[in-house]
Amino acid sequence: MMHLLNSAVMPQAGQYRLEAITTDEFGARLKSEPFVSYIGYPETAKILEALFGVEVPISREQTRLADGDTMLVARLKYRVAAPGQKGYVNPTAEDFEWLVCHYSAPQSADDGMEDCGICLHSSGQLDGQTCQYCGGTGRVPRGTPRP
């Protein structure tokens, strides 16, 4: 799924690959498939609509990503100096950076192993001796019988 944002955010754990793209490439990607808008300011939405000829709904919802999602980011090159002026400035296309971000969800840590539970946590030691269950690694194959 493609998400349209006005800031480059990392709303959840995972890997993000962010790259700058041209205005033309941004527009082509925006038109290439349906997107969910997370554009929070009417002024930004108006600029995107005028530049690319697509409807950009206003949304203040939190961004939620799934593995393989893409974020198109129209980010101002500067911060609005006075917070009270947010939403009242009139930026132009030249005021934006055009970015694409690819998201990958974290890989499962399930390696078929579990904590030994016999030796002292991950030390692999049991009464000063190497643990016979885990061999000193602190991990055993899931389901390994232990006393």
N, C-alpha and C. Protein backbone atom coordinates (compact mmCIF):
# COMPACT_ATOMS: atom_id res chain seq x y z
N MET A 1 0.85 -1.17 0.00
CA MET A 1 0.00 0.00 0.00
C MET A 1 0.90 1.24 0.00
N MET A 2 0.38 2.28 -0.60
CA MET A 2 1.13 3.53 -0.63
C MET A 2 0.48 4.53 0.33
N HIS A 3 1.33 5.23 1.06
CA HIS A 3 0.90 6.24 2.03
C HIS A 3 1.49 7.58 1.61
N LEU A 4 0.69 8.63 1.71
CA LEU A 4 1.14 9.99 1.38
C LEU A 4 1.25 10.79 2.67
N LEU A 5 2.45 11.33 2.93
CA LEU A 5 2.71 12.06 4.16
C LEU A 5 3.37 13.39 3.90
N ASN A 6 3.30 14.29 4.89
CA ASN A 6 4.00 15.57 4.78
C ASN A 6 5.21 15.64 5.72
N SER A 7 5.59 14.51 6.30
CA SER A 7 6.83 14.43 7.08
C SER A 7 7.34 13.00 7.01
N ALA A 8 8.64 12.85 7.13
CA ALA A 8 9.25 11.52 7.10
C ALA A 8 9.25 10.98 8.52
N VAL A 9 8.35 10.05 8.78
CA VAL A 9 8.20 9.49 10.13
C VAL A 9 8.53 8.01 10.12
N MET A 10 8.86 7.51 11.29
CA MET A 10 9.07 6.08 11.49
C MET A 10 8.10 5.65 12.60
N PRO A 11 6.85 5.36 12.25
CA PRO A 11 5.83 5.15 13.26
C PRO A 11 5.90 3.82 14.00
N GLN A 12 6.75 2.91 13.53
CA GLN A 12 6.84 1.61 14.20
C GLN A 12 8.19 0.99 13.88
N ALA A 13 8.51 -0.07 14.61
CA ALA A 13 9.79 -0.75 14.40
C ALA A 13 9.86 -1.33 13.00
N GLY A 14 11.05 -1.40 12.47
CA GLY A 14 11.26 -1.98 11.15
C GLY A 14 12.43 -1.31 10.47
N GLN A 15 12.59 -1.60 9.19
CA GLN A 15 13.67 -0.99 8.41
C GLN A 15 13.04 -0.03 7.41
N TYR A 16 13.66 1.14 7.29
CA TYR A 16 13.19 2.18 6.40
C TYR A 16 14.32 2.55 5.44
N ARG A 17 13.98 2.67 4.16
CA ARG A 17 14.95 3.10 3.16
C ARG A 17 14.37 4.34 2.50
N LEU A 18 15.00 5.49 2.76
CA LEU A 18 14.50 6.78 2.31
C LEU A 18 15.40 7.32 1.21
N GLU A 19 14.78 7.79 0.13
CA GLU A 19 15.57 8.38 -0.95
C GLU A 19 14.84 9.58 -1.55
N ALA A 20 15.62 10.54 -1.98
CA ALA A 20 15.07 11.72 -2.65
C ALA A 20 14.72 11.35 -4.08
N ILE A 21 13.60 11.92 -4.57
CA ILE A 21 13.19 11.71 -5.94
C ILE A 21 12.82 13.07 -6.54
N THR A 22 12.66 13.12 -7.85
CA THR A 22 12.29 14.38 -8.50
C THR A 22 10.79 14.63 -8.32
N THR A 23 10.41 15.86 -8.58
CA THR A 23 8.99 16.23 -8.53
C THR A 23 8.20 15.39 -9.53
N ASP A 24 8.76 15.20 -10.73
CA ASP A 24 8.06 14.42 -11.75
C ASP A 24 7.89 12.96 -11.31
N GLU A 25 8.94 12.39 -10.73
CA GLU A 25 8.85 11.00 -10.27
C GLU A 25 7.84 10.88 -9.14
N PHE A 26 7.82 11.86 -8.24
CA PHE A 26 6.85 11.87 -7.16
C PHE A 26 5.43 11.85 -7.74
N GLY A 27 5.17 12.72 -8.68
CA GLY A 27 3.85 12.78 -9.31
C GLY A 27 3.47 11.48 -10.00
N ALA A 28 4.42 10.89 -10.72
CA ALA A 28 4.15 9.63 -11.42
C ALA A 28 3.81 8.52 -10.42
N ARG A 29 4.55 8.45 -9.34
CA ARG A 29 4.26 7.44 -8.32
C ARG A 29 2.91 7.69 -7.66
N LEU A 30 2.62 8.95 -7.40
CA LEU A 30 1.36 9.31 -6.74
C LEU A 30 0.16 8.90 -7.61
N LYS A 31 0.32 9.01 -8.91
CA LYS A 31 -0.77 8.68 -9.84
C LYS A 31 -0.81 7.18 -10.18
N SER A 32 0.24 6.44 -9.83
CA SER A 32 0.37 5.06 -10.30
C SER A 32 -0.50 4.06 -9.54
N GLU A 33 -0.89 4.38 -8.33
CA GLU A 33 -1.70 3.44 -7.55
C GLU A 33 -2.46 4.20 -6.47
N PRO A 34 -3.51 3.58 -5.94
CA PRO A 34 -4.26 4.25 -4.86
C PRO A 34 -3.35 4.49 -3.66
N PHE A 35 -3.66 5.52 -2.89
CA PHE A 35 -2.87 5.85 -1.71
C PHE A 35 -3.80 6.25 -0.57
N VAL A 36 -3.25 6.17 0.63
CA VAL A 36 -3.93 6.67 1.82
C VAL A 36 -3.23 7.96 2.21
N SER A 37 -4.00 9.03 2.37
CA SER A 37 -3.42 10.32 2.69
C SER A 37 -3.32 10.52 4.20
N TYR A 38 -2.15 10.95 4.62
CA TYR A 38 -1.91 11.38 6.00
C TYR A 38 -1.44 12.84 5.99
N ILE A 39 -1.87 13.59 4.97
CA ILE A 39 -1.53 15.00 4.86
C ILE A 39 -2.41 15.75 5.85
N GLY A 40 -1.78 16.47 6.76
CA GLY A 40 -2.51 17.10 7.83
C GLY A 40 -2.85 18.57 7.63
N TYR A 41 -2.34 19.19 6.58
CA TYR A 41 -2.55 20.63 6.39
C TYR A 41 -3.22 20.89 5.05
N PRO A 42 -4.30 21.68 5.04
CA PRO A 42 -5.00 21.99 3.79
C PRO A 42 -4.10 22.63 2.74
N GLU A 43 -3.17 23.49 3.17
CA GLU A 43 -2.28 24.16 2.22
C GLU A 43 -1.42 23.14 1.47
N THR A 44 -0.92 22.15 2.18
CA THR A 44 -0.11 21.11 1.54
C THR A 44 -0.96 20.31 0.57
N ALA A 45 -2.16 19.94 1.00
CA ALA A 45 -3.06 19.18 0.13
C ALA A 45 -3.36 19.96 -1.15
N LYS A 46 -3.60 21.27 -1.03
CA LYS A 46 -3.91 22.10 -2.20
C LYS A 46 -2.75 22.12 -3.19
N ILE A 47 -1.53 22.25 -2.67
CA ILE A 47 -0.35 22.26 -3.55
C ILE A 47 -0.22 20.93 -4.28
N LEU A 48 -0.38 19.83 -3.55
CA LEU A 48 -0.26 18.50 -4.17
C LEU A 48 -1.35 18.29 -5.21
N GLU A 49 -2.57 18.73 -4.90
CA GLU A 49 -3.67 18.60 -5.86
C GLU A 49 -3.39 19.41 -7.12
N ALA A 50 -2.89 20.64 -6.95
CA ALA A 50 -2.61 21.50 -8.10
C ALA A 50 -1.46 20.95 -8.95
N LEU A 51 -0.42 20.46 -8.30
CA LEU A 51 0.75 19.96 -9.02
C LEU A 51 0.48 18.65 -9.75
N PHE A 52 -0.26 17.75 -9.10
CA PHE A 52 -0.35 16.39 -9.61
C PHE A 52 -1.74 15.97 -10.07
N GLY A 53 -2.74 16.83 -9.88
CA GLY A 53 -4.07 16.53 -10.37
C GLY A 53 -4.75 15.37 -9.70
N VAL A 54 -4.46 15.15 -8.42
CA VAL A 54 -5.11 14.09 -7.65
C VAL A 54 -5.78 14.71 -6.42
N GLU A 55 -6.84 14.08 -5.97
CA GLU A 55 -7.49 14.55 -4.75
C GLU A 55 -6.67 14.08 -3.55
N VAL A 56 -6.40 15.00 -2.63
CA VAL A 56 -5.61 14.67 -1.44
C VAL A 56 -6.45 14.99 -0.21
N PRO A 57 -7.06 13.96 0.38
CA PRO A 57 -7.84 14.18 1.60
C PRO A 57 -6.94 14.62 2.77
N ILE A 58 -7.50 15.41 3.66
CA ILE A 58 -6.81 15.84 4.89
C ILE A 58 -7.03 14.76 5.94
N SER A 59 -5.97 14.38 6.63
CA SER A 59 -6.09 13.37 7.69
C SER A 59 -5.04 13.62 8.76
N ARG A 60 -5.46 13.52 10.00
CA ARG A 60 -4.54 13.62 11.14
C ARG A 60 -4.40 12.25 11.81
N GLU A 61 -4.81 11.20 11.11
CA GLU A 61 -4.71 9.84 11.65
C GLU A 61 -3.25 9.43 11.79
N GLN A 62 -3.01 8.48 12.67
CA GLN A 62 -1.67 7.94 12.85
C GLN A 62 -1.37 6.97 11.71
N THR A 63 -0.18 7.05 11.16
CA THR A 63 0.24 6.17 10.08
C THR A 63 0.50 4.77 10.60
N ARG A 64 -0.07 3.78 9.94
CA ARG A 64 0.17 2.36 10.26
C ARG A 64 0.71 1.70 9.00
N LEU A 65 1.79 0.97 9.16
CA LEU A 65 2.46 0.37 8.00
C LEU A 65 2.42 -1.14 8.07
N ALA A 66 2.47 -1.77 6.91
CA ALA A 66 2.61 -3.22 6.79
C ALA A 66 3.87 -3.48 5.97
N ASP A 67 4.40 -4.67 6.10
CA ASP A 67 5.61 -5.04 5.38
C ASP A 67 5.44 -4.77 3.89
N GLY A 68 6.41 -4.08 3.30
CA GLY A 68 6.39 -3.78 1.88
C GLY A 68 5.71 -2.48 1.50
N ASP A 69 5.14 -1.77 2.46
CA ASP A 69 4.47 -0.51 2.16
C ASP A 69 5.47 0.55 1.70
N THR A 70 4.94 1.51 0.96
CA THR A 70 5.73 2.65 0.47
C THR A 70 5.12 3.93 1.00
N MET A 71 5.96 4.86 1.41
CA MET A 71 5.51 6.19 1.82
C MET A 71 6.06 7.21 0.83
N LEU A 72 5.18 8.02 0.28
CA LEU A 72 5.60 9.18 -0.50
C LEU A 72 5.53 10.37 0.44
N VAL A 73 6.62 11.11 0.54
CA VAL A 73 6.73 12.18 1.51
C VAL A 73 6.99 13.51 0.81
N ALA A 74 6.06 14.44 1.00
CA ALA A 74 6.23 15.82 0.53
C ALA A 74 6.59 16.63 1.77
N ARG A 75 7.87 16.87 1.97
CA ARG A 75 8.36 17.49 3.20
C ARG A 75 8.88 18.89 2.93
N LEU A 76 8.42 19.84 3.75
CA LEU A 76 8.97 21.20 3.64
C LEU A 76 10.47 21.17 3.90
N LYS A 77 11.20 21.97 3.16
CA LYS A 77 12.65 22.04 3.33
C LYS A 77 13.03 22.81 4.59
N TYR A 78 12.09 23.45 5.22
CA TYR A 78 12.36 24.26 6.41
C TYR A 78 11.24 24.06 7.40
N ARG A 79 11.50 24.41 8.63
CA ARG A 79 10.47 24.39 9.67
C ARG A 79 9.82 25.77 9.72
N VAL A 80 8.54 25.78 9.95
CA VAL A 80 7.84 27.05 10.11
C VAL A 80 8.35 27.67 11.40
N ALA A 81 8.86 28.89 11.31
CA ALA A 81 9.54 29.53 12.45
C ALA A 81 8.64 29.71 13.66
N ALA A 82 7.44 30.17 13.46
CA ALA A 82 6.51 30.40 14.57
C ALA A 82 5.43 29.31 14.53
N PRO A 83 5.40 28.44 15.55
CA PRO A 83 4.42 27.35 15.54
C PRO A 83 2.99 27.81 15.30
N GLY A 84 2.65 29.00 15.73
CA GLY A 84 1.31 29.52 15.51
C GLY A 84 1.01 29.79 14.04
N GLN A 85 2.06 29.84 13.21
CA GLN A 85 1.88 30.07 11.77
C GLN A 85 1.66 28.78 10.99
N LYS A 86 1.82 27.62 11.66
CA LYS A 86 1.57 26.35 10.98
C LYS A 86 0.16 26.37 10.43
N GLY A 87 0.03 25.98 9.19
CA GLY A 87 -1.29 25.99 8.56
C GLY A 87 -1.64 27.31 7.93
N TYR A 88 -0.81 28.34 8.13
CA TYR A 88 -1.10 29.66 7.56
C TYR A 88 -0.05 30.12 6.57
N VAL A 89 1.00 29.35 6.40
CA VAL A 89 2.01 29.71 5.40
C VAL A 89 1.53 29.20 4.05
N ASN A 90 2.03 29.78 3.00
CA ASN A 90 1.65 29.37 1.65
C ASN A 90 2.88 28.93 0.87
N PRO A 91 3.37 27.72 1.12
CA PRO A 91 4.56 27.25 0.43
C PRO A 91 4.26 26.98 -1.05
N THR A 92 5.32 26.96 -1.83
CA THR A 92 5.23 26.62 -3.24
C THR A 92 5.91 25.27 -3.46
N ALA A 93 5.84 24.74 -4.65
CA ALA A 93 6.46 23.44 -4.96
C ALA A 93 7.96 23.44 -4.65
N GLU A 94 8.61 24.60 -4.84
CA GLU A 94 10.06 24.68 -4.60
C GLU A 94 10.41 24.58 -3.12
N ASP A 95 9.42 24.74 -2.26
CA ASP A 95 9.66 24.66 -0.82
C ASP A 95 9.68 23.22 -0.29
N PHE A 96 9.41 22.26 -1.17
CA PHE A 96 9.29 20.87 -0.74
C PHE A 96 10.45 20.01 -1.19
N GLU A 97 10.75 19.00 -0.37
CA GLU A 97 11.61 17.89 -0.76
C GLU A 97 10.65 16.76 -1.12
N TRP A 98 10.97 16.00 -2.15
CA TRP A 98 10.13 14.90 -2.60
C TRP A 98 10.88 13.61 -2.29
N LEU A 99 10.28 12.77 -1.47
CA LEU A 99 10.95 11.58 -0.97
C LEU A 99 10.08 10.34 -1.15
N VAL A 100 10.74 9.20 -1.28
CA VAL A 100 10.04 7.92 -1.24
C VAL A 100 10.73 7.09 -0.16
N CYS A 101 9.91 6.39 0.62
CA CYS A 101 10.44 5.57 1.71
C CYS A 101 9.82 4.18 1.62
N HIS A 102 10.69 3.17 1.63
CA HIS A 102 10.24 1.78 1.57
C HIS A 102 10.35 1.18 2.97
N TYR A 103 9.29 0.51 3.40
CA TYR A 103 9.24 -0.05 4.76
C TYR A 103 9.29 -1.57 4.71
N SER A 104 10.10 -2.15 5.60
CA SER A 104 10.14 -3.59 5.82
C SER A 104 9.91 -3.86 7.29
N ALA A 105 8.96 -4.73 7.58
CA ALA A 105 8.66 -5.08 8.97
C ALA A 105 9.82 -5.86 9.57
N PRO A 106 9.97 -5.80 10.89
CA PRO A 106 11.04 -6.57 11.53
C PRO A 106 10.85 -8.06 11.27
N GLN A 107 11.96 -8.75 11.09
CA GLN A 107 11.88 -10.19 10.89
C GLN A 107 11.62 -10.86 12.23
N SER A 108 10.88 -11.93 12.18
CA SER A 108 10.55 -12.66 13.40
C SER A 108 11.82 -13.18 14.06
N ALA A 109 11.87 -13.07 15.37
CA ALA A 109 13.02 -13.57 16.13
C ALA A 109 12.85 -15.05 16.43
N ASP A 110 11.81 -15.69 15.91
CA ASP A 110 11.55 -17.10 16.19
C ASP A 110 12.54 -17.95 15.41
N ASP A 111 13.57 -18.40 16.10
CA ASP A 111 14.59 -19.23 15.47
C ASP A 111 14.44 -20.69 15.86
N GLY A 112 13.28 -21.04 16.43
CA GLY A 112 13.05 -22.41 16.85
C GLY A 112 13.73 -22.74 18.17
N MET A 113 14.25 -21.72 18.83
CA MET A 113 14.95 -21.92 20.10
C MET A 113 14.18 -21.25 21.23
N GLU A 114 14.50 -21.64 22.45
CA GLU A 114 13.94 -21.00 23.64
C GLU A 114 15.01 -20.94 24.71
N ASP A 115 14.78 -20.11 25.73
CA ASP A 115 15.74 -20.02 26.83
C ASP A 115 15.85 -21.36 27.54
N CYS A 116 17.06 -21.68 27.95
CA CYS A 116 17.34 -22.95 28.63
C CYS A 116 16.49 -23.08 29.89
N GLY A 117 16.54 -22.07 30.75
CA GLY A 117 15.76 -22.10 31.98
C GLY A 117 16.39 -22.94 33.09
N ILE A 118 17.46 -23.64 32.80
CA ILE A 118 18.13 -24.45 33.82
C ILE A 118 19.32 -23.70 34.38
N CYS A 119 20.17 -23.21 33.49
CA CYS A 119 21.35 -22.49 33.95
C CYS A 119 20.97 -21.05 34.29
N LEU A 120 21.91 -20.30 34.77
CA LEU A 120 21.65 -18.93 35.21
C LEU A 120 21.49 -18.01 34.01
N HIS A 121 20.26 -17.85 33.59
CA HIS A 121 19.88 -17.00 32.46
C HIS A 121 20.72 -17.34 31.24
N SER A 122 21.42 -16.43 30.69
CA SER A 122 22.18 -16.71 29.47
C SER A 122 23.66 -16.97 29.75
N SER A 123 24.01 -17.19 31.02
CA SER A 123 25.43 -17.39 31.33
C SER A 123 25.92 -18.77 30.90
N GLY A 124 25.01 -19.73 30.77
CA GLY A 124 25.42 -21.07 30.39
C GLY A 124 26.09 -21.82 31.52
N GLN A 125 26.06 -21.29 32.72
CA GLN A 125 26.72 -21.92 33.86
C GLN A 125 25.68 -22.47 34.84
N LEU A 126 25.94 -23.63 35.38
CA LEU A 126 25.12 -24.25 36.40
C LEU A 126 26.06 -24.75 37.48
N ASP A 127 26.04 -24.10 38.61
CA ASP A 127 26.95 -24.45 39.71
C ASP A 127 28.41 -24.47 39.26
N GLY A 128 28.78 -23.49 38.45
CA GLY A 128 30.17 -23.38 38.02
C GLY A 128 30.54 -24.32 36.89
N GLN A 129 29.66 -25.15 36.46
CA GLN A 129 29.91 -26.10 35.36
C GLN A 129 29.12 -25.66 34.13
N THR A 130 29.60 -26.04 32.97
CA THR A 130 28.85 -25.75 31.75
C THR A 130 27.55 -26.54 31.78
N CYS A 131 26.46 -25.88 31.48
CA CYS A 131 25.14 -26.51 31.53
C CYS A 131 25.06 -27.65 30.51
N GLN A 132 24.59 -28.81 30.96
CA GLN A 132 24.50 -29.97 30.06
C GLN A 132 23.32 -29.89 29.09
N TYR A 133 22.38 -29.00 29.39
CA TYR A 133 21.20 -28.88 28.52
C TYR A 133 21.45 -27.97 27.32
N CYS A 134 22.13 -26.88 27.59
CA CYS A 134 22.33 -25.91 26.50
C CYS A 134 23.78 -25.84 26.04
N GLY A 135 24.66 -26.52 26.70
CA GLY A 135 26.07 -26.50 26.31
C GLY A 135 26.73 -25.14 26.53
N GLY A 136 26.10 -24.33 27.39
CA GLY A 136 26.67 -23.03 27.71
C GLY A 136 26.15 -21.89 26.85
N THR A 137 25.21 -22.17 25.96
CA THR A 137 24.69 -21.11 25.09
C THR A 137 23.52 -20.36 25.72
N GLY A 138 22.84 -20.99 26.71
CA GLY A 138 21.67 -20.37 27.32
C GLY A 138 20.40 -20.58 26.52
N ARG A 139 20.50 -21.27 25.35
CA ARG A 139 19.34 -21.52 24.48
C ARG A 139 19.31 -23.00 24.10
N VAL A 140 18.10 -23.54 23.98
CA VAL A 140 17.91 -24.93 23.56
C VAL A 140 16.82 -24.98 22.50
N PRO A 141 16.81 -26.04 21.69
CA PRO A 141 15.71 -26.19 20.73
C PRO A 141 14.37 -26.23 21.47
N ARG A 142 13.39 -25.59 20.90
CA ARG A 142 12.07 -25.54 21.52
C ARG A 142 11.58 -26.96 21.79
N GLY A 143 11.07 -27.18 23.00
CA GLY A 143 10.51 -28.48 23.38
C GLY A 143 11.54 -29.43 23.98
N THR A 144 12.80 -29.03 24.12
CA THR A 144 13.81 -29.89 24.73
C THR A 144 13.39 -30.23 26.15
N PRO A 145 13.31 -31.54 26.47
CA PRO A 145 12.92 -31.89 27.85
C PRO A 145 14.01 -31.47 28.84
N ARG A 146 13.55 -30.91 29.96
CA ARG A 146 14.45 -30.48 31.02
C ARG A 146 13.75 -30.81 32.34
N PRO A 147 14.55 -31.01 33.41
CA PRO A 147 13.91 -31.34 34.69
C PRO A 147 13.10 -30.17 35.24
